[in-house]
Amino acid sequence: MKNSSKFLLAMLGAAAIQAQYADNFYRYGERKRYPAPDSRNGFNKTTVKAVDSRQLREFSIKGHKVMAFSKKDAITRLKHQKKI
């Protein structure tokens, strides 16, 4: 009976070692990390909205009206539009 209990413990130890190596996400000393469940099409259902705390104001530079965040921004916008 003593040999059968040793054999049983040896088999359980071997099974535990095999189970440890079978886990692809196990890292020694870290908790187990499993991949996050993914939606079926790969896209999130929620859309991310860009929030800008700045507010557009209207500037008039050399007779041209421009919506911009600052006077410097208004000048660069007019330069890109080739108006000044």
C-alpha atoms as a PDB file:
ATOM      1  CA  MET A   1       0.000   0.000   0.000  1.00  0.00           C
ATOM      2  CA  LYS A   2       2.901   2.328   0.711  1.00  0.00           C
ATOM      3  CA  ASN A   3       4.235   1.988  -2.841  1.00  0.00           C
ATOM      4  CA  SER A   4       0.848   2.774  -4.381  1.00  0.00           C
ATOM      5  CA  SER A   5       0.553   6.045  -2.400  1.00  0.00           C
ATOM      6  CA  LYS A   6       4.068   7.077  -3.508  1.00  0.00           C
ATOM      7  CA  PHE A   7       3.148   6.234  -7.095  1.00  0.00           C
ATOM      8  CA  LEU A   8      -0.065   8.273  -6.780  1.00  0.00           C
ATOM      9  CA  LEU A   9       1.850  11.289  -5.411  1.00  0.00           C
ATOM     10  CA  ALA A  10       4.417  10.983  -8.192  1.00  0.00           C
ATOM     11  CA  MET A  11       1.667  10.905 -10.820  1.00  0.00           C
ATOM     12  CA  LEU A  12      -0.090  13.912  -9.263  1.00  0.00           C
ATOM     13  CA  GLY A  13       3.206  15.822  -9.181  1.00  0.00           C
ATOM     14  CA  ALA A  14       3.873  15.016 -12.830  1.00  0.00           C
ATOM     15  CA  ALA A  15       0.350  16.124 -13.767  1.00  0.00           C
ATOM     16  CA  ALA A  16       0.813  19.397 -11.867  1.00  0.00           C
ATOM     17  CA  ILE A  17       4.108  20.106 -13.638  1.00  0.00           C
ATOM     18  CA  GLN A  18       2.546  19.389 -17.036  1.00  0.00           C
ATOM     19  CA  ALA A  19      -0.396  21.675 -16.244  1.00  0.00           C
ATOM     20  CA  GLN A  20       2.009  24.449 -15.264  1.00  0.00           C
ATOM     21  CA  TYR A  21       3.959  24.214 -18.528  1.00  0.00           C
ATOM     22  CA  ALA A  22       0.757  24.012 -20.575  1.00  0.00           C
ATOM     23  CA  ASP A  23      -0.354  27.453 -19.402  1.00  0.00           C
ATOM     24  CA  ASN A  24       1.071  29.868 -21.990  1.00  0.00           C
ATOM     25  CA  PHE A  25       0.312  33.000 -19.977  1.00  0.00           C
ATOM     26  CA  TYR A  26       1.989  31.937 -16.717  1.00  0.00           C
ATOM     27  CA  ARG A  27       5.082  33.883 -15.682  1.00  0.00           C
ATOM     28  CA  TYR A  28       7.076  32.894 -12.606  1.00  0.00           C
ATOM     29  CA  GLY A  29       6.481  35.292  -9.743  1.00  0.00           C
ATOM     30  CA  GLU A  30       3.635  37.118 -11.478  1.00  0.00           C
ATOM     31  CA  ARG A  31      -0.044  36.524 -11.396  1.00  0.00           C
ATOM     32  CA  LYS A  32      -1.633  34.841 -14.366  1.00  0.00           C
ATOM     33  CA  ARG A  33      -2.550  37.137 -17.231  1.00  0.00           C
ATOM     34  CA  TYR A  34      -5.186  36.030 -19.644  1.00  0.00           C
ATOM     35  CA  PRO A  35      -5.968  37.894 -22.867  1.00  0.00           C
ATOM     36  CA  ALA A  36      -8.858  40.320 -22.655  1.00  0.00           C
ATOM     37  CA  PRO A  37     -12.003  39.079 -24.352  1.00  0.00           C
ATOM     38  CA  ASP A  38     -12.257  40.654 -27.771  1.00  0.00           C
ATOM     39  CA  SER A  39     -15.349  41.715 -29.657  1.00  0.00           C
ATOM     40  CA  ARG A  40     -16.021  39.606 -32.715  1.00  0.00           C
ATOM     41  CA  ASN A  41     -15.205  42.226 -35.354  1.00  0.00           C
ATOM     42  CA  GLY A  42     -12.174  43.730 -33.596  1.00  0.00           C
ATOM     43  CA  PHE A  43     -13.684  47.202 -33.177  1.00  0.00           C
ATOM     44  CA  ASN A  44     -14.868  48.839 -29.987  1.00  0.00           C
ATOM     45  CA  LYS A  45     -18.558  49.629 -29.759  1.00  0.00           C
ATOM     46  CA  THR A  46     -17.933  52.974 -28.071  1.00  0.00           C
ATOM     47  CA  THR A  47     -16.495  55.862 -30.014  1.00  0.00           C
ATOM     48  CA  VAL A  48     -13.814  58.062 -28.504  1.00  0.00           C
ATOM     49  CA  LYS A  49     -14.628  61.744 -28.719  1.00  0.00           C
ATOM     50  CA  ALA A  50     -11.834  64.283 -28.820  1.00  0.00           C
ATOM     51  CA  VAL A  51     -12.492  66.934 -26.205  1.00  0.00           C
ATOM     52  CA  ASP A  52     -10.879  70.319 -26.716  1.00  0.00           C
ATOM     53  CA  SER A  53     -11.156  72.720 -23.818  1.00  0.00           C
ATOM     54  CA  ARG A  54     -10.222  75.671 -26.031  1.00  0.00           C
ATOM     55  CA  GLN A  55     -12.900  77.747 -27.707  1.00  0.00           C
ATOM     56  CA  LEU A  56     -12.861  79.141 -31.236  1.00  0.00           C
ATOM     57  CA  ARG A  57     -13.228  82.913 -31.533  1.00  0.00           C
ATOM     58  CA  GLU A  58     -13.632  85.141 -34.553  1.00  0.00           C
ATOM     59  CA  PHE A  59     -10.678  87.322 -35.503  1.00  0.00           C
ATOM     60  CA  SER A  60     -10.534  89.947 -38.240  1.00  0.00           C
ATOM     61  CA  ILE A  61      -7.048  90.399 -39.666  1.00  0.00           C
ATOM     62  CA  LYS A  62      -6.506  92.736 -42.646  1.00  0.00           C
ATOM     63  CA  GLY A  63     -10.184  92.484 -43.574  1.00  0.00           C
ATOM     64  CA  HIS A  64     -10.299  88.673 -43.460  1.00  0.00           C
ATOM     65  CA  LYS A  65     -12.455  87.023 -40.809  1.00  0.00           C
ATOM     66  CA  VAL A  66     -11.088  83.783 -39.354  1.00  0.00           C
ATOM     67  CA  MET A  67     -12.257  81.428 -36.612  1.00  0.00           C
ATOM     68  CA  ALA A  68      -9.236  80.523 -34.461  1.00  0.00           C
ATOM     69  CA  PHE A  69      -8.118  79.835 -30.903  1.00  0.00           C
ATOM     70  CA  SER A  70      -5.790  82.850 -30.653  1.00  0.00           C
ATOM     71  CA  LYS A  71      -4.577  85.778 -32.732  1.00  0.00           C
ATOM     72  CA  LYS A  72      -1.360  83.918 -33.532  1.00  0.00           C
ATOM     73  CA  ASP A  73      -3.387  80.881 -34.632  1.00  0.00           C
ATOM     74  CA  ALA A  74      -5.565  83.144 -36.809  1.00  0.00           C
ATOM     75  CA  ILE A  75      -2.482  84.545 -38.548  1.00  0.00           C
ATOM     76  CA  THR A  76      -1.088  81.061 -39.242  1.00  0.00           C
ATOM     77  CA  ARG A  77      -4.468  79.918 -40.589  1.00  0.00           C
ATOM     78  CA  LEU A  78      -4.565  82.877 -42.964  1.00  0.00           C
ATOM     79  CA  LYS A  79      -0.997  82.167 -44.064  1.00  0.00           C
ATOM     80  CA  HIS A  80      -1.944  78.561 -44.859  1.00  0.00           C
ATOM     81  CA  GLN A  81      -4.907  79.811 -46.871  1.00  0.00           C
ATOM     82  CA  LYS A  82      -2.514  82.155 -48.734  1.00  0.00           C
ATOM     83  CA  LYS A  83      -4.677  85.177 -47.895  1.00  0.00           C
ATOM     84  CA  ILE A  84      -1.911  87.251 -46.286  1.00  0.00           C
END
